[in-house]
């Protein structure tokens, strides 16, 4: 089991097993349960986590009754390491590039991944419309073509097509893993 908080997406995800989800069910507004092909729970995603949980609550997530007990100094060090990561992410401001990446993840990449697609194309103008900003094209180019999105979403940028920098610029990605 793994619990991960993404400041960029403002989402908390509890992984029960690291297998590909075959389907997802919205069980409440902003709460999604993912299932594998055998209808077993893969994980639970909580969207808008910062509005549902305080930074203090996110920093103090604990799991009781671990299958393997970690005790003493090692347990304290591991617990402090996890809390430090969550505190660092919770204290970072949200930049325009983060909003651009978040929109691309939520509206293009994750839906493609959930449906088993291997490739996804994102038109810059569609992201501009979704984010509500039509200025600063270089921010969109950097956010959609930069390493941070590729690493965050486990993608490979295959090519861009269309105009070099404009609303009809299309980013072509391969979805890895």
N, C-alpha and C. Protein backbone atom coordinates (compact mmCIF):
# COMPACT_ATOMS: atom_id res chain seq x y z
N UNK A 1 0.85 -1.17 0.00
CA UNK A 1 0.00 0.00 0.00
C UNK A 1 0.90 1.24 0.00
N UNK A 2 0.46 2.25 -0.74
CA UNK A 2 1.22 3.50 -0.80
C UNK A 2 0.21 4.65 -0.81
N UNK A 3 0.53 5.71 -0.09
CA UNK A 3 -0.29 6.91 -0.08
C UNK A 3 0.54 8.03 -0.68
N UNK A 4 -0.03 8.72 -1.65
CA UNK A 4 0.71 9.77 -2.35
C UNK A 4 -0.16 11.02 -2.44
N UNK A 5 0.45 12.16 -2.12
CA UNK A 5 -0.24 13.43 -2.29
C UNK A 5 0.48 14.22 -3.36
N UNK A 6 -0.27 14.69 -4.36
CA UNK A 6 0.29 15.52 -5.41
C UNK A 6 -0.18 16.95 -5.20
N UNK A 7 0.78 17.81 -4.89
CA UNK A 7 0.44 19.23 -4.73
C UNK A 7 -0.04 19.80 -6.05
N UNK A 8 0.61 19.39 -7.15
CA UNK A 8 0.27 19.90 -8.47
C UNK A 8 -1.18 19.59 -8.82
N UNK A 9 -1.60 18.35 -8.58
CA UNK A 9 -2.98 17.95 -8.90
C UNK A 9 -3.93 18.16 -7.73
N UNK A 10 -3.40 18.50 -6.55
CA UNK A 10 -4.17 18.60 -5.31
C UNK A 10 -5.03 17.35 -5.12
N UNK A 11 -4.36 16.20 -5.23
CA UNK A 11 -5.06 14.93 -5.12
C UNK A 11 -4.30 14.01 -4.18
N UNK A 12 -5.04 13.29 -3.37
CA UNK A 12 -4.48 12.26 -2.50
C UNK A 12 -4.89 10.92 -3.09
N UNK A 13 -3.92 10.04 -3.29
CA UNK A 13 -4.23 8.74 -3.88
C UNK A 13 -3.72 7.66 -2.95
N UNK A 14 -4.59 6.72 -2.62
CA UNK A 14 -4.22 5.57 -1.82
C UNK A 14 -4.13 4.38 -2.76
N UNK A 15 -2.91 3.89 -2.97
CA UNK A 15 -2.69 2.72 -3.81
C UNK A 15 -2.78 1.49 -2.94
N UNK A 16 -3.67 0.57 -3.28
CA UNK A 16 -3.73 -0.71 -2.57
C UNK A 16 -2.85 -1.72 -3.30
N UNK A 17 -2.89 -1.63 -4.63
CA UNK A 17 -2.05 -2.48 -5.47
C UNK A 17 -1.64 -1.65 -6.68
N UNK A 18 -0.42 -1.84 -7.15
CA UNK A 18 0.04 -1.08 -8.31
C UNK A 18 -0.19 -1.88 -9.59
N UNK A 19 -1.45 -1.91 -9.99
CA UNK A 19 -1.85 -2.52 -11.26
C UNK A 19 -2.72 -1.50 -11.99
N UNK A 20 -2.88 -1.70 -13.28
CA UNK A 20 -3.65 -0.75 -14.08
C UNK A 20 -5.15 -0.84 -13.76
N UNK A 21 -5.75 0.31 -13.63
CA UNK A 21 -7.20 0.36 -13.37
C UNK A 21 -7.95 0.10 -14.68
N UNK A 22 -8.97 -0.73 -14.59
CA UNK A 22 -9.80 -1.02 -15.76
C UNK A 22 -11.03 -0.11 -15.79
N UNK A 23 -11.47 0.32 -14.61
CA UNK A 23 -12.62 1.22 -14.55
C UNK A 23 -12.56 2.01 -13.25
N UNK A 24 -13.33 3.10 -13.24
CA UNK A 24 -13.37 3.97 -12.06
C UNK A 24 -14.82 4.30 -11.74
N UNK A 25 -15.13 4.38 -10.47
CA UNK A 25 -16.46 4.77 -10.02
C UNK A 25 -16.36 5.99 -9.12
N UNK A 26 -17.17 7.02 -9.38
CA UNK A 26 -17.26 8.16 -8.49
C UNK A 26 -18.21 7.76 -7.37
N UNK A 27 -17.68 7.66 -6.15
CA UNK A 27 -18.54 7.24 -5.04
C UNK A 27 -19.09 8.44 -4.28
N UNK A 28 -18.48 9.58 -4.46
CA UNK A 28 -18.94 10.85 -3.88
C UNK A 28 -18.28 11.94 -4.71
N UNK A 29 -18.75 13.15 -4.56
CA UNK A 29 -18.14 14.24 -5.32
C UNK A 29 -16.67 14.36 -4.96
N UNK A 30 -15.81 14.17 -5.97
CA UNK A 30 -14.37 14.28 -5.76
C UNK A 30 -13.72 13.06 -5.15
N UNK A 31 -14.43 11.95 -5.04
CA UNK A 31 -13.85 10.70 -4.51
C UNK A 31 -14.09 9.61 -5.54
N UNK A 32 -12.98 9.04 -6.03
CA UNK A 32 -13.04 8.06 -7.11
C UNK A 32 -12.37 6.77 -6.65
N UNK A 33 -13.03 5.64 -6.89
CA UNK A 33 -12.45 4.34 -6.59
C UNK A 33 -12.10 3.67 -7.91
N UNK A 34 -10.84 3.21 -8.04
CA UNK A 34 -10.38 2.52 -9.24
C UNK A 34 -10.41 1.02 -9.01
N UNK A 35 -10.84 0.27 -10.05
CA UNK A 35 -10.93 -1.18 -9.99
C UNK A 35 -10.10 -1.79 -11.12
N UNK A 36 -9.57 -2.99 -10.89
CA UNK A 36 -8.84 -3.69 -11.95
C UNK A 36 -9.83 -4.50 -12.79
N UNK A 37 -9.33 -5.27 -13.74
CA UNK A 37 -10.17 -6.05 -14.64
C UNK A 37 -10.98 -7.12 -13.90
N UNK A 38 -10.49 -7.55 -12.73
CA UNK A 38 -11.21 -8.56 -11.93
C UNK A 38 -12.14 -7.92 -10.90
N UNK A 39 -12.37 -6.61 -11.02
CA UNK A 39 -13.24 -5.86 -10.13
C UNK A 39 -12.72 -5.77 -8.70
N UNK A 40 -11.40 -5.85 -8.54
CA UNK A 40 -10.78 -5.68 -7.23
C UNK A 40 -10.33 -4.23 -7.11
N UNK A 41 -10.42 -3.67 -5.91
CA UNK A 41 -10.04 -2.27 -5.72
C UNK A 41 -8.54 -2.11 -5.90
N UNK A 42 -8.18 -1.14 -6.73
CA UNK A 42 -6.79 -0.80 -6.99
C UNK A 42 -6.37 0.37 -6.12
N UNK A 43 -7.26 1.37 -6.01
CA UNK A 43 -6.93 2.55 -5.23
C UNK A 43 -8.10 3.49 -5.09
N UNK A 44 -7.90 4.50 -4.28
CA UNK A 44 -8.91 5.52 -4.04
C UNK A 44 -8.26 6.88 -4.24
N UNK A 45 -8.90 7.75 -5.01
CA UNK A 45 -8.38 9.08 -5.26
C UNK A 45 -9.32 10.10 -4.63
N UNK A 46 -8.75 11.05 -3.92
CA UNK A 46 -9.51 12.14 -3.32
C UNK A 46 -9.05 13.42 -3.98
N UNK A 47 -9.94 14.01 -4.78
CA UNK A 47 -9.63 15.24 -5.49
C UNK A 47 -9.86 16.44 -4.59
N UNK A 48 -9.24 17.56 -4.90
CA UNK A 48 -9.32 18.76 -4.07
C UNK A 48 -8.99 18.43 -2.61
N UNK A 49 -7.93 17.65 -2.44
CA UNK A 49 -7.58 17.16 -1.10
C UNK A 49 -7.32 18.28 -0.11
N UNK A 50 -6.72 19.39 -0.56
CA UNK A 50 -6.41 20.46 0.38
C UNK A 50 -7.66 21.15 0.90
N UNK A 51 -8.77 21.05 0.17
CA UNK A 51 -10.00 21.64 0.69
C UNK A 51 -10.76 20.66 1.59
N UNK A 52 -10.36 19.40 1.56
CA UNK A 52 -11.00 18.38 2.38
C UNK A 52 -10.17 18.04 3.62
N UNK A 53 -8.83 18.20 3.49
CA UNK A 53 -7.92 17.90 4.58
C UNK A 53 -6.97 19.07 4.75
N UNK A 54 -6.67 19.41 5.98
CA UNK A 54 -5.71 20.50 6.22
C UNK A 54 -4.30 20.00 5.94
N UNK A 55 -3.37 20.94 5.78
CA UNK A 55 -1.97 20.58 5.59
C UNK A 55 -1.48 19.74 6.77
N UNK A 56 -1.95 20.07 7.97
CA UNK A 56 -1.57 19.32 9.17
C UNK A 56 -2.07 17.87 9.07
N UNK A 57 -3.30 17.68 8.63
CA UNK A 57 -3.84 16.32 8.48
C UNK A 57 -3.07 15.55 7.41
N UNK A 58 -2.75 16.22 6.30
CA UNK A 58 -1.99 15.55 5.25
C UNK A 58 -0.60 15.17 5.74
N UNK A 59 0.00 16.02 6.57
CA UNK A 59 1.35 15.75 7.08
C UNK A 59 1.36 14.66 8.13
N UNK A 60 0.21 14.35 8.73
CA UNK A 60 0.17 13.39 9.82
C UNK A 60 -0.59 12.12 9.48
N UNK A 61 -0.59 11.73 8.22
CA UNK A 61 -1.23 10.48 7.83
C UNK A 61 -0.44 9.32 8.43
N UNK A 62 -1.15 8.43 9.11
CA UNK A 62 -0.50 7.24 9.66
C UNK A 62 -1.29 6.02 9.24
N UNK A 63 -0.59 4.92 9.19
CA UNK A 63 -1.23 3.64 8.87
C UNK A 63 -1.01 2.74 10.06
N UNK A 64 -2.09 2.25 10.61
CA UNK A 64 -2.00 1.37 11.77
C UNK A 64 -2.06 -0.08 11.32
N UNK A 65 -1.49 -0.92 12.14
CA UNK A 65 -1.50 -2.36 11.91
C UNK A 65 -0.81 -2.73 10.61
N UNK A 66 0.40 -2.24 10.44
CA UNK A 66 1.20 -2.60 9.27
C UNK A 66 1.38 -4.12 9.25
N UNK A 67 1.42 -4.72 8.06
CA UNK A 67 1.67 -6.17 8.00
C UNK A 67 3.07 -6.51 8.51
N UNK A 68 4.03 -5.63 8.28
CA UNK A 68 5.38 -5.82 8.80
C UNK A 68 5.64 -4.65 9.73
N UNK A 69 5.98 -4.95 10.94
CA UNK A 69 6.14 -3.89 11.93
C UNK A 69 7.51 -3.23 11.79
N UNK A 70 7.53 -1.93 11.69
CA UNK A 70 8.76 -1.15 11.69
C UNK A 70 8.80 -0.45 13.03
N UNK A 71 9.86 -0.63 13.76
CA UNK A 71 9.90 -0.08 15.11
C UNK A 71 11.14 0.77 15.32
N UNK A 72 11.15 1.44 16.44
CA UNK A 72 12.32 2.17 16.90
C UNK A 72 12.71 3.34 16.02
N UNK A 73 14.01 3.57 15.94
CA UNK A 73 14.56 4.72 15.24
C UNK A 73 14.17 4.71 13.76
N UNK A 74 14.20 3.55 13.11
CA UNK A 74 13.88 3.47 11.69
C UNK A 74 12.44 3.92 11.42
N UNK A 75 11.51 3.52 12.27
CA UNK A 75 10.11 3.93 12.11
C UNK A 75 9.97 5.44 12.27
N UNK A 76 10.65 6.00 13.26
CA UNK A 76 10.57 7.44 13.49
C UNK A 76 11.17 8.21 12.32
N UNK A 77 12.30 7.73 11.79
CA UNK A 77 12.93 8.38 10.64
C UNK A 77 12.04 8.33 9.40
N UNK A 78 11.45 7.18 9.15
CA UNK A 78 10.57 7.02 7.98
C UNK A 78 9.34 7.91 8.11
N UNK A 79 8.77 7.96 9.30
CA UNK A 79 7.60 8.80 9.54
C UNK A 79 7.95 10.28 9.34
N UNK A 80 9.07 10.70 9.84
CA UNK A 80 9.49 12.10 9.70
C UNK A 80 9.79 12.44 8.24
N UNK A 81 10.37 11.50 7.50
CA UNK A 81 10.66 11.72 6.08
C UNK A 81 9.37 11.96 5.30
N UNK A 82 8.36 11.11 5.54
CA UNK A 82 7.06 11.27 4.85
C UNK A 82 6.41 12.60 5.19
N UNK A 83 6.44 12.97 6.46
CA UNK A 83 5.84 14.24 6.88
C UNK A 83 6.55 15.44 6.24
N UNK A 84 7.87 15.36 6.13
CA UNK A 84 8.64 16.46 5.54
C UNK A 84 8.29 16.64 4.06
N UNK A 85 8.10 15.54 3.35
CA UNK A 85 7.73 15.62 1.93
C UNK A 85 6.37 16.28 1.78
N UNK A 86 5.41 15.86 2.57
CA UNK A 86 4.06 16.43 2.48
C UNK A 86 4.07 17.90 2.88
N UNK A 87 4.81 18.26 3.94
CA UNK A 87 4.90 19.66 4.35
C UNK A 87 5.51 20.51 3.25
N UNK A 88 6.55 20.00 2.60
CA UNK A 88 7.22 20.76 1.53
C UNK A 88 6.27 20.98 0.36
N UNK A 89 5.54 19.94 -0.03
CA UNK A 89 4.60 20.09 -1.14
C UNK A 89 3.45 21.01 -0.77
N UNK A 90 2.95 20.93 0.45
CA UNK A 90 1.81 21.74 0.86
C UNK A 90 2.17 23.22 0.95
N UNK A 91 3.45 23.53 1.16
CA UNK A 91 3.85 24.93 1.32
C UNK A 91 4.20 25.61 0.00
N UNK A 92 4.25 24.87 -1.09
CA UNK A 92 4.63 25.45 -2.37
C UNK A 92 3.46 26.21 -2.99
N UNK A 93 3.73 27.39 -3.56
CA UNK A 93 2.65 28.11 -4.25
C UNK A 93 2.30 27.40 -5.56
N UNK A 94 1.08 27.63 -6.03
CA UNK A 94 0.65 27.03 -7.29
C UNK A 94 0.93 28.04 -8.40
N UNK A 95 1.79 27.67 -9.32
CA UNK A 95 2.16 28.53 -10.43
C UNK A 95 1.29 28.21 -11.64
N UNK A 96 1.27 29.14 -12.61
CA UNK A 96 0.48 28.93 -13.82
C UNK A 96 0.89 27.63 -14.52
N UNK A 97 2.19 27.35 -14.59
CA UNK A 97 2.65 26.12 -15.24
C UNK A 97 2.10 24.89 -14.54
N UNK A 98 1.98 24.94 -13.20
CA UNK A 98 1.40 23.82 -12.47
C UNK A 98 -0.07 23.63 -12.83
N UNK A 99 -0.80 24.74 -12.97
CA UNK A 99 -2.22 24.64 -13.36
C UNK A 99 -2.35 24.06 -14.77
N UNK A 100 -1.45 24.44 -15.66
CA UNK A 100 -1.46 23.93 -17.03
C UNK A 100 -1.22 22.41 -17.00
N UNK A 101 -0.20 21.98 -16.27
CA UNK A 101 0.09 20.54 -16.17
C UNK A 101 -1.07 19.79 -15.53
N UNK A 102 -1.64 20.37 -14.48
CA UNK A 102 -2.77 19.72 -13.79
C UNK A 102 -3.94 19.54 -14.75
N UNK A 103 -4.24 20.57 -15.52
CA UNK A 103 -5.35 20.47 -16.47
C UNK A 103 -5.07 19.39 -17.52
N UNK A 104 -3.85 19.37 -18.05
CA UNK A 104 -3.49 18.36 -19.05
C UNK A 104 -3.60 16.96 -18.46
N UNK A 105 -3.15 16.78 -17.22
CA UNK A 105 -3.25 15.48 -16.55
C UNK A 105 -4.70 15.05 -16.38
N UNK A 106 -5.51 15.93 -15.82
CA UNK A 106 -6.88 15.57 -15.47
C UNK A 106 -7.78 15.38 -16.69
N UNK A 107 -7.56 16.18 -17.74
CA UNK A 107 -8.51 16.18 -18.86
C UNK A 107 -8.04 15.43 -20.09
N UNK A 108 -6.77 15.10 -20.18
CA UNK A 108 -6.27 14.40 -21.36
C UNK A 108 -5.51 13.12 -21.01
N UNK A 109 -4.49 13.25 -20.16
CA UNK A 109 -3.58 12.14 -19.92
C UNK A 109 -4.22 11.02 -19.09
N UNK A 110 -4.78 11.36 -17.92
CA UNK A 110 -5.37 10.32 -17.08
C UNK A 110 -6.58 9.65 -17.73
N UNK A 111 -7.48 10.39 -18.41
CA UNK A 111 -8.56 9.69 -19.11
C UNK A 111 -8.04 8.72 -20.18
N UNK A 112 -6.99 9.13 -20.90
CA UNK A 112 -6.40 8.23 -21.91
C UNK A 112 -5.80 7.01 -21.24
N UNK A 113 -5.10 7.22 -20.13
CA UNK A 113 -4.48 6.10 -19.41
C UNK A 113 -5.55 5.15 -18.87
N UNK A 114 -6.63 5.70 -18.31
CA UNK A 114 -7.69 4.85 -17.74
C UNK A 114 -8.38 4.00 -18.80
N UNK A 115 -8.44 4.50 -20.04
CA UNK A 115 -9.09 3.73 -21.10
C UNK A 115 -8.12 2.83 -21.84
N UNK A 116 -6.87 2.77 -21.36
CA UNK A 116 -5.90 1.86 -21.93
C UNK A 116 -5.21 2.35 -23.19
N UNK A 117 -5.37 3.63 -23.50
CA UNK A 117 -4.71 4.16 -24.70
C UNK A 117 -3.21 4.25 -24.48
N UNK A 118 -2.46 4.06 -25.55
CA UNK A 118 -1.00 4.12 -25.48
C UNK A 118 -0.45 5.48 -25.89
N UNK A 119 -1.26 6.24 -26.62
CA UNK A 119 -0.83 7.55 -27.11
C UNK A 119 -1.90 8.58 -26.79
N UNK A 120 -1.47 9.82 -26.61
CA UNK A 120 -2.41 10.91 -26.39
C UNK A 120 -1.86 12.16 -27.07
N UNK A 121 -2.77 12.93 -27.64
CA UNK A 121 -2.42 14.19 -28.28
C UNK A 121 -3.13 15.31 -27.54
N UNK A 122 -2.41 16.40 -27.32
CA UNK A 122 -2.99 17.55 -26.62
C UNK A 122 -2.74 18.79 -27.45
N UNK A 123 -3.85 19.46 -27.82
CA UNK A 123 -3.75 20.72 -28.57
C UNK A 123 -3.63 21.85 -27.56
N UNK A 124 -2.63 22.69 -27.73
CA UNK A 124 -2.35 23.78 -26.80
C UNK A 124 -3.59 24.64 -26.57
N UNK A 125 -4.33 24.94 -27.63
CA UNK A 125 -5.52 25.78 -27.49
C UNK A 125 -6.59 25.18 -26.61
N UNK A 126 -6.70 23.85 -26.61
CA UNK A 126 -7.70 23.19 -25.75
C UNK A 126 -7.33 23.38 -24.28
N UNK A 127 -6.04 23.35 -23.98
CA UNK A 127 -5.60 23.57 -22.61
C UNK A 127 -5.78 25.04 -22.22
N UNK A 128 -5.48 25.94 -23.16
CA UNK A 128 -5.69 27.37 -22.89
C UNK A 128 -7.16 27.63 -22.55
N UNK A 129 -8.07 27.05 -23.32
CA UNK A 129 -9.50 27.24 -23.06
C UNK A 129 -9.89 26.68 -21.70
N UNK A 130 -9.36 25.51 -21.36
CA UNK A 130 -9.69 24.87 -20.09
C UNK A 130 -9.14 25.63 -18.90
N UNK A 131 -7.94 26.15 -19.03
CA UNK A 131 -7.31 26.90 -17.93
C UNK A 131 -7.87 28.31 -17.86
N UNK A 132 -8.38 28.79 -18.99
CA UNK A 132 -8.96 30.13 -19.02
C UNK A 132 -7.96 31.22 -19.29
N UNK A 133 -6.83 30.86 -19.85
CA UNK A 133 -5.80 31.87 -20.16
C UNK A 133 -5.39 31.69 -21.62
N UNK A 134 -5.31 32.79 -22.32
CA UNK A 134 -4.91 32.73 -23.72
C UNK A 134 -3.63 33.50 -23.96
N UNK A 135 -3.05 34.02 -22.91
CA UNK A 135 -1.80 34.76 -23.05
C UNK A 135 -0.65 33.86 -22.64
N UNK A 136 0.54 34.38 -22.78
CA UNK A 136 1.76 33.71 -22.34
C UNK A 136 1.92 32.31 -22.93
N UNK A 137 1.86 32.23 -24.25
CA UNK A 137 2.03 30.96 -24.95
C UNK A 137 3.30 30.24 -24.53
N UNK A 138 4.43 30.94 -24.31
CA UNK A 138 5.64 30.21 -23.87
C UNK A 138 5.43 29.40 -22.60
N UNK A 139 4.62 29.89 -21.65
CA UNK A 139 4.32 29.10 -20.44
C UNK A 139 3.65 27.78 -20.80
N UNK A 140 2.70 27.83 -21.74
CA UNK A 140 2.00 26.62 -22.16
C UNK A 140 2.95 25.67 -22.87
N UNK A 141 3.80 26.22 -23.75
CA UNK A 141 4.77 25.40 -24.48
C UNK A 141 5.70 24.71 -23.49
N UNK A 142 6.23 25.46 -22.52
CA UNK A 142 7.16 24.88 -21.54
C UNK A 142 6.48 23.87 -20.62
N UNK A 143 5.26 24.16 -20.19
CA UNK A 143 4.56 23.25 -19.29
C UNK A 143 4.18 21.94 -19.98
N UNK A 144 3.73 22.04 -21.23
CA UNK A 144 3.29 20.83 -21.94
C UNK A 144 4.44 20.05 -22.57
N UNK A 145 5.56 20.72 -22.82
CA UNK A 145 6.68 20.04 -23.45
C UNK A 145 7.86 19.80 -22.53
N UNK A 146 7.73 20.21 -21.27
CA UNK A 146 8.86 20.12 -20.35
C UNK A 146 8.97 18.79 -19.63
N UNK A 147 10.13 18.60 -19.03
CA UNK A 147 10.43 17.35 -18.32
C UNK A 147 9.52 17.12 -17.12
N UNK A 148 9.09 18.20 -16.47
CA UNK A 148 8.28 18.03 -15.26
C UNK A 148 6.99 17.26 -15.58
N UNK A 149 6.29 17.65 -16.65
CA UNK A 149 5.07 16.92 -17.03
C UNK A 149 5.42 15.50 -17.47
N UNK A 150 6.47 15.35 -18.26
CA UNK A 150 6.85 14.02 -18.74
C UNK A 150 7.14 13.08 -17.58
N UNK A 151 7.88 13.57 -16.58
CA UNK A 151 8.19 12.75 -15.41
C UNK A 151 6.97 12.53 -14.53
N UNK A 152 6.20 13.58 -14.31
CA UNK A 152 5.01 13.51 -13.46
C UNK A 152 4.00 12.50 -14.00
N UNK A 153 3.79 12.53 -15.32
CA UNK A 153 2.75 11.69 -15.93
C UNK A 153 3.31 10.42 -16.57
N UNK A 154 4.62 10.22 -16.49
CA UNK A 154 5.27 9.06 -17.10
C UNK A 154 4.96 9.00 -18.60
N UNK A 155 5.39 10.06 -19.29
CA UNK A 155 5.15 10.20 -20.72
C UNK A 155 6.46 10.33 -21.48
N UNK A 156 6.37 10.09 -22.78
CA UNK A 156 7.47 10.39 -23.69
C UNK A 156 6.90 11.31 -24.76
N UNK A 157 7.52 12.48 -24.93
CA UNK A 157 7.08 13.41 -25.97
C UNK A 157 7.63 12.90 -27.29
N UNK A 158 6.73 12.52 -28.19
CA UNK A 158 7.15 11.98 -29.48
C UNK A 158 7.46 13.09 -30.48
N UNK A 159 6.56 14.10 -30.51
CA UNK A 159 6.76 15.22 -31.44
C UNK A 159 5.73 16.29 -31.13
N UNK A 160 5.95 17.45 -31.73
CA UNK A 160 4.92 18.48 -31.77
C UNK A 160 4.60 18.71 -33.23
N UNK A 161 3.37 19.10 -33.51
CA UNK A 161 2.98 19.37 -34.89
C UNK A 161 2.17 20.65 -34.94
N UNK A 162 1.98 21.15 -36.14
CA UNK A 162 1.27 22.40 -36.32
C UNK A 162 2.21 23.57 -36.15
N UNK A 163 1.66 24.76 -35.90
CA UNK A 163 2.52 25.93 -35.72
C UNK A 163 3.49 25.73 -34.57
N UNK A 164 4.62 26.40 -34.61
CA UNK A 164 5.64 26.24 -33.58
C UNK A 164 5.14 26.66 -32.20
N UNK A 165 4.36 27.72 -32.13
CA UNK A 165 3.89 28.22 -30.84
C UNK A 165 2.57 28.94 -31.03
N UNK A 166 1.48 28.23 -30.83
CA UNK A 166 0.17 28.83 -30.96
C UNK A 166 -0.91 27.87 -30.53
N UNK A 167 -2.17 28.28 -30.59
CA UNK A 167 -3.26 27.43 -30.10
C UNK A 167 -3.40 26.12 -30.87
N UNK A 168 -2.90 26.06 -32.09
CA UNK A 168 -3.01 24.82 -32.87
C UNK A 168 -1.75 23.97 -32.81
N UNK A 169 -0.83 24.30 -31.91
CA UNK A 169 0.32 23.43 -31.68
C UNK A 169 -0.19 22.18 -30.95
N UNK A 170 0.20 21.01 -31.46
CA UNK A 170 -0.26 19.74 -30.89
C UNK A 170 0.95 18.97 -30.35
N UNK A 171 0.83 18.52 -29.12
CA UNK A 171 1.86 17.71 -28.48
C UNK A 171 1.43 16.25 -28.58
N UNK A 172 2.31 15.40 -29.09
CA UNK A 172 2.03 13.97 -29.26
C UNK A 172 2.88 13.20 -28.26
N UNK A 173 2.21 12.45 -27.37
CA UNK A 173 2.90 11.73 -26.31
C UNK A 173 2.65 10.23 -26.42
N UNK A 174 3.62 9.46 -25.93
CA UNK A 174 3.42 8.05 -25.69
C UNK A 174 3.25 7.89 -24.18
N UNK A 175 2.23 7.14 -23.77
CA UNK A 175 2.00 6.89 -22.34
C UNK A 175 2.83 5.68 -21.95
N UNK A 176 3.76 5.89 -21.04
CA UNK A 176 4.65 4.81 -20.60
C UNK A 176 4.10 4.16 -19.34
N UNK A 177 4.36 2.89 -19.19
CA UNK A 177 3.98 2.17 -17.97
C UNK A 177 2.61 2.30 -17.55
